[in-house]
Amino acid sequence: MSEATAPAAQQQPSPTTAAVKLWLQAYRVELILFAVSFVVLAGFSSMRFWRQSAAPHFVYQSKAWLEGHLALDPQVLPNLEDWACVREVNGQKVRCEGQIQPTDKWYVSFPSFPAVVMLPFVALHGYQFNDTSFGVFFGALAIALFYSLLRELQQREGSGRSDKENIALAATLAFGTVFFYCAIRGEVWFSAEVMGVAFTCLYMRNAIGARRPVLAGVFFSMAVLTRTPLLFSGVFFVLEALAPTPGKRVEELKAFSKSPGLKKLGLFAAGAAPLALWHAWYNAARFGSIAEFGHRFFYNNRVNADIDAWGLFHPHYLQRNIDAAFLLLPEWARGQLMYSPWGLSLLLTMPLLVFIFVSPERKQQLQLSIGAACAVLVLSRLFPEEPPPPGDFPIGHRSPIVWIAVVALFGVWWVGFSQDQKQARLKVPLVVTALCCAIPGMFYQNTGYAQFGFRFSLDYTPYLLAAFAVSAWPLKNRAVQVALALGFLVNFWGAVGFRGYTEGMRGW
């Protein structure tokens, strides 16, 4: 009897093997999505995939840390684009002006968590580490994580989406938004956006229902220290912890001092604190302020005059940012279709916007939303940019009728959103978080440049697409399918046609 059972016992898999098989089975769709996204993004990245980009700032920061320095060696910098240069004058840290001096200190002028992630790879490959293929990897990972988030919404919030619909929405993020062209480029500006999406998905997944406050805090701090505008996404956890009940959120927020969610809020802060404290010290050591990430110290940059005159945030920047986000259209020039270097309207790169704020039960509101969006685009074509005053920014100068159309569009969305009486539980927190991330950016000194679409929108795109996912809009709706097709088509053009800093530097 013992001899007969011995071979059977030996054939039993080890606990580790069994656990791996269960994990692979549970996350098979995520793994397939990752693999497919990686192959597609790598293919569209083309020759870039095999080479380091022309703006590998995070690689150089990682290398400096490994050599025991906070500052970078200016002799090895690949270019002088968007680096911070600090000079000590009478004990004060000021921006470097004029001729470079040997005592000047050079730093990466962006939040530095991407450099932390790259540390082990830079330790192996040094300055030659390929940030482009790394960005493609992270892009594919972000898509898998977004699907995992959608599945969480399906299982815990009853989003009503099938697995196929969740796959379609994950593919929409990947190839139907500006994520597509950002994920295939490398370059400091786009790498941060893509990594920010990945950390945002991890943060959101743990923040739903405030179920894992410590992990939510950890991933929140990773996201913020990758893309600082994501600081405003903290409102999502606050609402989930203190005001989770639809129709009673205002009352719950007023009574926050008695809320059982205060403990979760404390745990969330504890999770976020280690990275936040480290970067606060890091900012103070470099720039003399815990809240300064380096933009005030840009070396020889076109934005310096605006920063000196108006600061980093000011209403002066509002018109140019709205213009870049909603009004810019392609143009036919020299026998080919061209895009503005300031980007294209979100109404073209993410047409699903017209559905997110309105209910599918109110067809008239959808008609108003589509009509208002079309009016904005048509009027921006009929009334193009007016000549700017001498020395002023080249966009943001439009006829008043165009601005009236934009206000009308926002008004239609506000009315549609406020009159939706059958919103899913998470619709309000998701939309409010998206707005909290988007609106401050409209007052920011930078609109983005050398971009196919408004790249800053990636900071809140996961929240908008998740809001669409929990809405009742069916993907079989003809209007939805037309919007999806338009988004895929426009962003396909962006992936194949956009020529950014790398091409400009290397003449590709």
Protein backbone atom coordinates (compact mmCIF):
# COMPACT_ATOMS: atom_id res chain seq x y z
CA MET A 1 0.00 0.00 0.00
CA SER A 2 2.78 2.47 0.90
CA GLU A 3 4.72 1.55 -2.28
CA ALA A 4 1.65 2.34 -4.42
CA THR A 5 1.02 5.70 -2.85
CA ALA A 6 4.65 6.84 -2.86
CA PRO A 7 4.83 7.76 -6.59
CA ALA A 8 1.54 9.64 -6.33
CA ALA A 9 2.83 11.64 -3.39
CA GLN A 10 6.01 12.47 -5.28
CA GLN A 11 3.99 13.84 -8.19
CA GLN A 12 2.27 16.46 -6.05
CA PRO A 13 3.52 19.97 -6.98
CA SER A 14 5.32 21.99 -4.37
CA PRO A 15 3.39 24.73 -2.58
CA THR A 16 5.43 27.35 -4.45
CA THR A 17 4.65 25.82 -7.84
CA ALA A 18 0.97 25.55 -6.97
CA ALA A 19 0.89 29.17 -5.82
CA VAL A 20 2.58 30.35 -9.04
CA LYS A 21 0.08 28.39 -11.14
CA LEU A 22 -2.84 29.90 -9.23
CA TRP A 23 -1.40 33.41 -9.66
CA LEU A 24 -0.87 32.89 -13.39
CA GLN A 25 -4.40 31.59 -13.73
CA ALA A 26 -5.87 34.49 -11.75
CA TYR A 27 -4.00 37.14 -13.73
CA ARG A 28 -3.82 35.50 -17.14
CA VAL A 29 -5.72 38.33 -18.84
CA GLU A 30 -3.40 40.96 -17.32
CA LEU A 31 -0.37 38.98 -18.48
CA ILE A 32 -1.74 38.62 -21.99
CA LEU A 33 -2.59 42.32 -22.11
CA PHE A 34 0.92 43.16 -20.94
CA ALA A 35 2.52 40.95 -23.59
CA VAL A 36 0.34 42.20 -26.43
CA SER A 37 0.72 45.85 -25.39
CA PHE A 38 4.48 45.45 -25.10
CA VAL A 39 4.79 43.96 -28.58
CA VAL A 40 2.56 46.62 -30.17
CA LEU A 41 4.19 49.55 -28.36
CA ALA A 42 7.66 48.21 -29.12
CA GLY A 43 6.73 47.88 -32.78
CA PHE A 44 5.48 51.44 -32.99
CA SER A 45 8.51 52.65 -31.07
CA SER A 46 10.49 51.32 -34.04
CA MET A 47 14.18 52.29 -34.10
CA ARG A 48 13.69 54.33 -30.93
CA PHE A 49 13.16 51.10 -28.98
CA TRP A 50 16.80 50.12 -29.45
CA ARG A 51 18.33 53.46 -28.49
CA GLN A 52 18.39 55.74 -25.53
CA SER A 53 16.28 58.86 -26.04
CA ALA A 54 17.79 62.32 -26.38
CA ALA A 55 16.33 63.35 -22.99
CA PRO A 56 17.32 60.59 -20.53
CA HIS A 57 17.30 62.86 -17.48
CA PHE A 58 16.29 60.18 -14.96
CA VAL A 59 19.13 57.92 -16.10
CA TYR A 60 21.66 60.66 -15.33
CA GLN A 61 20.10 61.34 -11.94
CA SER A 62 20.30 57.66 -11.02
CA LYS A 63 23.94 57.54 -12.08
CA ALA A 64 24.79 60.58 -9.95
CA TRP A 65 23.23 58.93 -6.90
CA LEU A 66 25.18 55.73 -7.53
CA GLU A 67 28.34 57.81 -7.62
CA GLY A 68 27.40 59.42 -4.29
CA HIS A 69 26.32 62.84 -5.54
CA LEU A 70 23.07 64.80 -5.55
CA ALA A 71 24.30 67.10 -8.33
CA LEU A 72 25.11 65.95 -11.85
CA ASP A 73 28.41 66.36 -13.65
CA PRO A 74 27.75 69.05 -16.31
CA GLN A 75 30.54 67.59 -18.46
CA VAL A 76 28.52 64.46 -19.18
CA LEU A 77 25.07 65.97 -19.74
CA PRO A 78 23.74 65.01 -23.20
CA ASN A 79 22.19 68.49 -23.73
CA LEU A 80 21.04 71.53 -21.75
CA GLU A 81 17.29 71.07 -22.26
CA ASP A 82 15.16 71.34 -19.09
CA TRP A 83 17.92 70.92 -16.52
CA ALA A 84 18.01 72.96 -13.32
CA CYS A 85 21.13 74.98 -12.64
CA VAL A 86 21.64 76.46 -9.15
CA ARG A 87 24.15 79.15 -8.26
CA GLU A 88 25.01 80.41 -4.78
CA VAL A 89 24.93 84.23 -4.59
CA ASN A 90 25.37 85.84 -1.18
CA GLY A 91 24.23 82.64 0.47
CA GLN A 92 21.07 82.43 -1.65
CA LYS A 93 20.27 79.78 -4.26
CA VAL A 94 19.43 81.46 -7.58
CA ARG A 95 19.02 80.39 -11.19
CA CYS A 96 22.22 80.33 -13.24
CA GLU A 97 22.40 83.22 -15.67
CA GLY A 98 24.94 84.03 -18.35
CA GLN A 99 28.18 82.12 -18.55
CA ILE A 100 28.31 78.80 -16.72
CA GLN A 101 30.60 78.80 -13.69
CA PRO A 102 32.53 75.84 -12.23
CA THR A 103 30.68 76.15 -8.91
CA ASP A 104 27.21 75.88 -10.50
CA LYS A 105 25.19 72.84 -9.44
CA TRP A 106 23.13 70.91 -12.00
CA TYR A 107 20.07 68.82 -11.16
CA VAL A 108 17.12 67.11 -12.81
CA SER A 109 14.25 69.60 -12.69
CA PHE A 110 11.50 67.01 -12.23
CA PRO A 111 10.21 64.82 -9.39
CA SER A 112 12.75 62.07 -8.99
CA PHE A 113 10.94 58.83 -8.22
CA PRO A 114 11.42 57.51 -11.80
CA ALA A 115 15.15 57.76 -11.15
CA VAL A 116 14.65 55.61 -8.03
CA VAL A 117 12.94 52.93 -10.12
CA MET A 118 15.78 52.99 -12.65
CA LEU A 119 18.55 52.63 -10.05
CA PRO A 120 19.19 48.87 -10.39
CA PHE A 121 19.20 49.08 -14.19
CA VAL A 122 21.51 52.08 -14.28
CA ALA A 123 23.79 50.22 -11.85
CA LEU A 124 24.12 47.55 -14.54
CA HIS A 125 24.22 49.70 -17.68
CA GLY A 126 25.43 53.10 -16.50
CA TYR A 127 24.74 56.17 -18.61
CA GLN A 128 23.84 53.90 -21.54
CA PHE A 129 20.66 52.52 -19.94
CA ASN A 130 17.88 52.61 -22.54
CA ASP A 131 15.06 54.75 -21.17
CA THR A 132 12.99 54.22 -24.34
CA SER A 133 12.56 50.44 -24.04
CA PHE A 134 12.09 50.94 -20.29
CA GLY A 135 9.23 53.31 -21.07
CA VAL A 136 7.65 50.76 -23.41
CA PHE A 137 7.85 48.16 -20.63
CA PHE A 138 6.21 50.54 -18.16
CA GLY A 139 3.59 51.46 -20.73
CA ALA A 140 2.59 47.82 -21.18
CA LEU A 141 2.59 47.39 -17.39
CA ALA A 142 0.29 50.42 -17.00
CA ILE A 143 -2.24 48.89 -19.40
CA ALA A 144 -2.27 45.61 -17.49
CA LEU A 145 -2.68 47.51 -14.23
CA PHE A 146 -5.53 49.57 -15.65
CA TYR A 147 -7.35 46.39 -16.65
CA SER A 148 -6.78 45.08 -13.12
CA LEU A 149 -8.34 48.30 -11.81
CA LEU A 150 -11.35 47.87 -14.11
CA ARG A 151 -11.78 44.30 -12.90
CA GLU A 152 -11.71 45.60 -9.33
CA LEU A 153 -14.51 48.03 -10.25
CA GLN A 154 -16.42 45.15 -11.80
CA GLN A 155 -16.10 42.83 -8.82
CA ARG A 156 -16.38 45.27 -5.90
CA GLU A 157 -18.45 48.12 -7.28
CA GLY A 158 -20.63 46.26 -9.74
CA SER A 159 -19.59 48.34 -12.75
CA GLY A 160 -21.56 45.95 -14.97
CA ARG A 161 -18.71 45.64 -17.45
CA SER A 162 -17.84 42.24 -18.86
CA ASP A 163 -14.24 41.07 -19.18
CA LYS A 164 -14.33 41.85 -22.89
CA GLU A 165 -15.53 45.38 -22.22
CA ASN A 166 -12.79 45.89 -19.64
CA ILE A 167 -10.23 44.69 -22.19
CA ALA A 168 -11.67 47.12 -24.73
CA LEU A 169 -11.42 50.02 -22.25
CA ALA A 170 -7.83 49.06 -21.36
CA ALA A 171 -7.04 49.04 -25.08
CA THR A 172 -8.67 52.47 -25.32
CA LEU A 173 -6.23 53.84 -22.75
CA ALA A 174 -3.34 52.19 -24.59
CA PHE A 175 -4.13 53.12 -28.17
CA GLY A 176 -7.08 55.53 -28.09
CA THR A 177 -5.55 58.33 -25.99
CA VAL A 178 -2.32 60.35 -25.97
CA PHE A 179 -0.86 57.49 -23.89
CA PHE A 180 -0.04 55.83 -27.23
CA TYR A 181 2.51 58.34 -28.46
CA CYS A 182 3.86 59.01 -24.95
CA ALA A 183 4.63 55.35 -24.24
CA ILE A 184 6.81 54.74 -27.29
CA ARG A 185 9.23 57.65 -26.97
CA GLY A 186 11.29 57.54 -23.81
CA GLU A 187 12.31 61.16 -23.02
CA VAL A 188 11.90 62.60 -19.54
CA TRP A 189 8.56 64.35 -20.16
CA PHE A 190 6.78 61.33 -21.59
CA SER A 191 8.42 58.71 -19.36
CA ALA A 192 7.09 60.49 -16.27
CA GLU A 193 3.56 60.64 -17.69
CA VAL A 194 3.51 56.91 -18.48
CA MET A 195 4.96 55.89 -15.13
CA GLY A 196 2.47 58.22 -13.44
CA VAL A 197 -0.39 56.28 -15.07
CA ALA A 198 0.98 52.99 -13.74
CA PHE A 199 1.32 54.26 -10.16
CA THR A 200 -2.08 55.94 -10.40
CA CYS A 201 -3.70 52.60 -11.26
CA LEU A 202 -2.02 50.95 -8.27
CA TYR A 203 -3.11 53.81 -6.02
CA MET A 204 -6.72 53.75 -7.24
CA ARG A 205 -6.97 49.97 -6.90
CA ASN A 206 -5.99 50.15 -3.24
CA ALA A 207 -7.96 53.33 -2.52
CA ILE A 208 -11.37 52.01 -3.66
CA GLY A 209 -13.48 51.77 -0.53
CA ALA A 210 -10.37 52.93 1.39
CA ARG A 211 -9.73 49.21 1.87
CA ARG A 212 -5.91 49.27 1.90
CA PRO A 213 -4.97 52.71 3.23
CA VAL A 214 -1.28 52.07 3.81
CA LEU A 215 -0.69 50.63 0.33
CA ALA A 216 -2.81 53.39 -1.16
CA GLY A 217 -0.58 55.94 0.59
CA VAL A 218 2.60 54.27 -0.67
CA PHE A 219 1.46 54.22 -4.29
CA PHE A 220 0.02 57.72 -3.98
CA SER A 221 3.43 59.05 -2.93
CA MET A 222 5.06 57.19 -5.84
CA ALA A 223 2.60 58.79 -8.25
CA VAL A 224 3.04 62.30 -6.82
CA LEU A 225 6.84 62.03 -6.87
CA THR A 226 6.60 61.02 -10.50
CA ARG A 227 4.07 63.69 -11.56
CA THR A 228 3.47 66.47 -9.02
CA PRO A 229 -0.07 67.33 -10.29
CA LEU A 230 -1.13 63.94 -8.94
CA LEU A 231 -0.91 65.48 -5.47
CA PHE A 232 -4.50 66.61 -6.10
CA SER A 233 -5.59 63.01 -6.71
CA GLY A 234 -5.41 62.52 -2.94
CA VAL A 235 -9.00 63.77 -2.88
CA PHE A 236 -10.05 60.34 -4.17
CA PHE A 237 -8.90 58.58 -1.00
CA VAL A 238 -10.29 61.36 1.19
CA LEU A 239 -13.74 60.94 -0.36
CA GLU A 240 -13.57 57.16 -0.11
CA ALA A 241 -12.50 57.29 3.54
CA LEU A 242 -14.66 60.14 4.85
CA ALA A 243 -17.59 60.48 2.43
CA PRO A 244 -18.33 57.20 0.65
CA THR A 245 -22.13 57.39 0.65
CA PRO A 246 -23.88 58.80 -2.46
CA GLY A 247 -26.27 61.60 -1.61
CA LYS A 248 -24.76 62.08 1.84
CA ARG A 249 -21.20 63.08 1.00
CA VAL A 250 -21.57 66.72 2.02
CA GLU A 251 -23.02 65.76 5.42
CA GLU A 252 -20.29 63.16 5.93
CA LEU A 253 -17.57 65.68 5.14
CA LYS A 254 -19.07 68.19 7.57
CA ALA A 255 -19.00 65.53 10.28
CA PHE A 256 -15.47 64.35 9.41
CA SER A 257 -14.21 64.79 12.99
CA LYS A 258 -16.49 61.92 14.06
CA SER A 259 -15.90 59.78 10.98
CA PRO A 260 -14.53 56.24 11.39
CA GLY A 261 -12.55 56.97 8.23
CA LEU A 262 -10.15 59.24 10.13
CA LYS A 263 -8.10 56.23 11.18
CA LYS A 264 -7.83 55.14 7.55
CA LEU A 265 -6.79 58.65 6.62
CA GLY A 266 -4.02 58.46 9.21
CA LEU A 267 -2.83 55.12 7.85
CA PHE A 268 -2.89 56.58 4.34
CA ALA A 269 -0.70 59.47 5.49
CA ALA A 270 1.64 57.02 7.20
CA GLY A 271 2.02 55.08 3.96
CA ALA A 272 2.78 58.22 1.99
CA ALA A 273 5.10 59.79 4.57
CA PRO A 274 8.44 57.97 3.98
CA LEU A 275 8.81 58.95 0.33
CA ALA A 276 7.31 62.39 0.97
CA LEU A 277 9.80 63.14 3.75
CA TRP A 278 12.72 61.89 1.67
CA HIS A 279 11.82 64.06 -1.30
CA ALA A 280 11.13 67.08 0.92
CA TRP A 281 14.68 66.77 2.26
CA TYR A 282 15.99 66.20 -1.26
CA ASN A 283 14.27 69.34 -2.57
CA ALA A 284 15.54 71.43 0.33
CA ALA A 285 19.10 70.16 -0.16
CA ARG A 286 19.07 71.05 -3.85
CA PHE A 287 16.89 74.15 -4.10
CA GLY A 288 16.46 75.46 -0.56
CA SER A 289 12.73 74.66 -0.36
CA ILE A 290 10.90 71.43 0.41
CA ALA A 291 8.23 72.28 -2.19
CA GLU A 292 10.60 73.22 -5.04
CA PHE A 293 11.22 70.56 -7.71
CA GLY A 294 13.48 72.70 -9.87
CA HIS A 295 11.37 74.53 -12.43
CA ARG A 296 12.29 77.95 -11.02
CA PHE A 297 15.91 77.06 -11.78
CA PHE A 298 15.53 76.04 -15.44
CA TYR A 299 18.70 76.92 -17.31
CA ASN A 300 18.20 79.20 -20.34
CA ASN A 301 14.58 78.11 -20.84
CA ARG A 302 11.81 79.83 -22.82
CA VAL A 303 9.48 79.71 -19.77
CA ASN A 304 11.81 81.62 -17.43
CA ALA A 305 10.45 85.05 -18.34
CA ASP A 306 6.88 83.96 -17.54
CA ILE A 307 7.92 82.33 -14.27
CA ASP A 308 9.75 85.50 -13.22
CA ALA A 309 6.79 87.69 -14.13
CA TRP A 310 3.84 85.58 -13.00
CA GLY A 311 5.15 82.62 -11.00
CA LEU A 312 4.46 78.96 -11.66
CA PHE A 313 0.66 79.31 -11.30
CA HIS A 314 -1.37 82.32 -12.37
CA PRO A 315 -4.66 83.14 -14.17
CA HIS A 316 -2.46 84.69 -16.87
CA TYR A 317 -1.82 81.16 -18.15
CA LEU A 318 -5.48 80.08 -18.30
CA GLN A 319 -6.29 81.00 -21.90
CA ARG A 320 -3.21 79.35 -23.38
CA ASN A 321 -3.84 76.10 -21.48
CA ILE A 322 -7.50 75.91 -22.48
CA ASP A 323 -6.42 76.62 -26.05
CA ALA A 324 -3.88 73.78 -25.99
CA ALA A 325 -6.30 71.39 -24.30
CA PHE A 326 -9.46 71.99 -26.35
CA LEU A 327 -9.03 74.27 -29.36
CA LEU A 328 -6.03 73.20 -31.43
CA LEU A 329 -6.80 71.40 -34.70
CA PRO A 330 -4.70 69.78 -37.42
CA GLU A 331 -3.93 71.82 -40.51
CA TRP A 332 -3.29 70.96 -44.15
CA ALA A 333 0.03 72.49 -45.14
CA ARG A 334 2.67 71.73 -47.76
CA GLY A 335 0.56 68.91 -49.13
CA GLN A 336 0.21 67.03 -45.85
CA LEU A 337 -1.81 67.00 -42.66
CA MET A 338 0.11 68.71 -39.85
CA TYR A 339 -0.40 68.97 -36.08
CA SER A 340 0.41 71.95 -33.89
CA PRO A 341 3.58 71.58 -31.77
CA TRP A 342 1.36 72.62 -28.84
CA GLY A 343 -0.77 69.51 -29.44
CA LEU A 344 -4.30 68.70 -30.58
CA SER A 345 -7.65 69.16 -28.85
CA LEU A 346 -8.71 66.54 -26.32
CA LEU A 347 -12.01 66.44 -28.20
CA LEU A 348 -10.04 64.72 -30.97
CA THR A 349 -7.52 62.69 -28.98
CA MET A 350 -10.10 61.50 -26.40
CA PRO A 351 -13.60 61.84 -27.92
CA LEU A 352 -15.13 59.79 -25.08
CA LEU A 353 -15.10 63.05 -23.12
CA VAL A 354 -18.49 63.95 -24.59
CA PHE A 355 -20.06 60.90 -22.86
CA ILE A 356 -18.43 60.96 -19.43
CA PHE A 357 -20.43 63.86 -17.99
CA VAL A 358 -23.88 62.96 -19.36
CA SER A 359 -26.31 60.14 -18.67
CA PRO A 360 -27.23 57.60 -21.39
CA GLU A 361 -30.83 57.94 -20.29
CA ARG A 362 -30.94 61.57 -21.45
CA LYS A 363 -30.46 61.56 -25.21
CA GLN A 364 -31.02 65.29 -25.40
CA GLN A 365 -28.04 65.92 -23.12
CA LEU A 366 -25.86 63.72 -25.30
CA GLN A 367 -26.96 65.68 -28.35
CA LEU A 368 -26.12 68.93 -26.54
CA SER A 369 -22.72 67.57 -25.48
CA ILE A 370 -21.80 66.45 -29.00
CA GLY A 371 -23.21 69.64 -30.49
CA ALA A 372 -21.30 71.87 -28.08
CA ALA A 373 -18.06 69.94 -28.73
CA CYS A 374 -18.54 70.26 -32.50
CA ALA A 375 -19.28 73.97 -32.10
CA VAL A 376 -16.00 74.45 -30.23
CA LEU A 377 -14.03 72.69 -32.96
CA VAL A 378 -15.82 74.45 -35.84
CA LEU A 379 -15.50 77.90 -34.30
CA SER A 380 -11.84 77.34 -33.50
CA ARG A 381 -11.36 76.66 -37.21
CA LEU A 382 -13.44 79.63 -38.35
CA PHE A 383 -11.77 81.97 -35.85
CA PRO A 384 -8.10 80.92 -35.70
CA GLU A 385 -5.42 82.30 -33.42
CA GLU A 386 -5.15 86.07 -33.44
CA PRO A 387 -1.67 87.65 -33.55
CA PRO A 388 -0.28 87.80 -30.00
CA PRO A 389 1.08 91.01 -28.48
CA PRO A 390 4.85 91.40 -28.90
CA GLY A 391 6.69 88.86 -26.79
CA ASP A 392 3.50 87.11 -25.65
CA PHE A 393 2.68 83.42 -25.91
CA PRO A 394 1.71 82.26 -29.44
CA ILE A 395 -1.51 80.50 -28.41
CA GLY A 396 -4.46 81.60 -26.28
CA HIS A 397 -5.51 84.55 -28.39
CA ARG A 398 -8.97 83.81 -29.77
CA SER A 399 -12.14 85.62 -30.69
CA PRO A 400 -14.60 86.01 -27.79
CA ILE A 401 -17.09 83.80 -29.64
CA VAL A 402 -14.67 80.87 -29.31
CA TRP A 403 -14.36 81.37 -25.55
CA ILE A 404 -18.15 81.59 -25.28
CA ALA A 405 -18.38 78.21 -27.04
CA VAL A 406 -15.89 76.71 -24.59
CA VAL A 407 -17.86 78.02 -21.61
CA ALA A 408 -21.04 76.63 -23.18
CA LEU A 409 -19.40 73.19 -23.54
CA PHE A 410 -18.34 73.18 -19.89
CA GLY A 411 -21.83 74.33 -18.92
CA VAL A 412 -23.45 71.47 -20.83
CA TRP A 413 -21.16 69.00 -19.07
CA TRP A 414 -21.88 70.51 -15.66
CA VAL A 415 -25.64 70.40 -16.17
CA GLY A 416 -25.49 66.86 -17.53
CA PHE A 417 -23.40 65.64 -14.64
CA SER A 418 -25.45 67.38 -11.93
CA GLN A 419 -28.76 66.09 -13.33
CA ASP A 420 -27.69 62.45 -13.50
CA GLN A 421 -29.83 60.88 -10.76
CA LYS A 422 -28.62 57.30 -11.30
CA GLN A 423 -24.88 57.66 -11.03
CA ALA A 424 -22.79 54.73 -9.89
CA ARG A 425 -21.34 55.14 -6.39
CA LEU A 426 -17.85 55.96 -7.67
CA LYS A 427 -18.84 58.30 -10.49
CA VAL A 428 -18.68 61.43 -8.32
CA PRO A 429 -15.32 60.67 -6.63
CA LEU A 430 -13.74 59.76 -9.98
CA VAL A 431 -14.96 62.87 -11.80
CA VAL A 432 -14.18 65.16 -8.86
CA THR A 433 -10.65 63.74 -8.68
CA ALA A 434 -10.15 64.23 -12.42
CA LEU A 435 -11.26 67.86 -12.11
CA CYS A 436 -9.03 68.43 -9.08
CA CYS A 437 -6.06 67.26 -11.15
CA ALA A 438 -7.08 69.09 -14.34
CA ILE A 439 -8.19 72.53 -13.15
CA PRO A 440 -4.98 73.60 -11.31
CA GLY A 441 -3.02 72.61 -14.42
CA MET A 442 -4.98 75.15 -16.44
CA PHE A 443 -3.27 77.86 -14.37
CA TYR A 444 0.22 76.36 -14.76
CA GLN A 445 2.97 78.12 -16.68
CA ASN A 446 3.61 75.22 -19.06
CA THR A 447 1.15 73.93 -21.66
CA GLY A 448 3.50 71.26 -22.90
CA TYR A 449 5.37 71.65 -26.14
CA ALA A 450 6.61 69.43 -28.95
CA GLN A 451 3.66 67.14 -28.28
CA PHE A 452 1.00 65.52 -30.42
CA GLY A 453 -1.77 65.92 -27.87
CA PHE A 454 -2.23 67.62 -24.51
CA ARG A 455 0.08 65.25 -22.64
CA PHE A 456 -0.75 66.64 -19.20
CA SER A 457 -4.20 65.09 -19.62
CA LEU A 458 -2.64 61.69 -18.89
CA ASP A 459 -2.51 62.70 -15.23
CA TYR A 460 -6.30 62.35 -15.02
CA THR A 461 -7.15 60.12 -17.99
CA PRO A 462 -7.36 56.96 -15.80
CA TYR A 463 -9.99 58.69 -13.63
CA LEU A 464 -12.02 59.78 -16.65
CA LEU A 465 -11.94 56.35 -18.28
CA ALA A 466 -12.81 54.70 -14.97
CA ALA A 467 -15.75 57.13 -14.67
CA PHE A 468 -16.89 56.01 -18.11
CA ALA A 469 -16.46 52.39 -17.06
CA VAL A 470 -18.80 52.74 -14.08
CA SER A 471 -21.34 54.67 -16.15
CA ALA A 472 -24.21 52.96 -17.94
CA TRP A 473 -22.94 53.78 -21.43
CA PRO A 474 -22.88 50.54 -23.46
CA LEU A 475 -19.91 49.99 -25.75
CA LYS A 476 -22.37 48.75 -28.39
CA ASN A 477 -23.90 52.22 -28.63
CA ARG A 478 -23.23 53.54 -32.15
CA ALA A 479 -22.18 56.99 -30.95
CA VAL A 480 -19.77 55.46 -28.43
CA GLN A 481 -18.27 53.25 -31.14
CA VAL A 482 -17.79 56.24 -33.43
CA ALA A 483 -15.99 58.10 -30.61
CA LEU A 484 -13.80 55.10 -29.89
CA ALA A 485 -12.92 54.68 -33.56
CA LEU A 486 -12.04 58.38 -33.87
CA GLY A 487 -9.82 58.18 -30.80
CA PHE A 488 -7.96 55.14 -32.12
CA LEU A 489 -7.53 56.72 -35.56
CA VAL A 490 -6.25 60.08 -34.29
CA ASN A 491 -3.83 58.54 -31.81
CA PHE A 492 -2.59 56.06 -34.41
CA TRP A 493 -1.59 59.11 -36.42
CA GLY A 494 0.14 60.49 -33.32
CA ALA A 495 2.08 57.27 -32.81
CA VAL A 496 3.38 57.15 -36.38
CA GLY A 497 3.59 60.84 -37.22
CA PHE A 498 4.83 62.65 -34.12
CA ARG A 499 8.43 63.79 -34.25
CA GLY A 500 9.71 64.90 -30.87
CA TYR A 501 12.92 65.94 -29.20
CA THR A 502 14.79 62.70 -29.94
CA GLU A 503 14.25 63.02 -33.68
CA GLY A 504 15.12 66.71 -33.58
CA MET A 505 18.39 66.05 -31.76
CA ARG A 506 19.44 63.06 -33.84
CA GLY A 507 18.02 64.04 -37.19
CA TRP A 508 15.94 60.91 -37.67
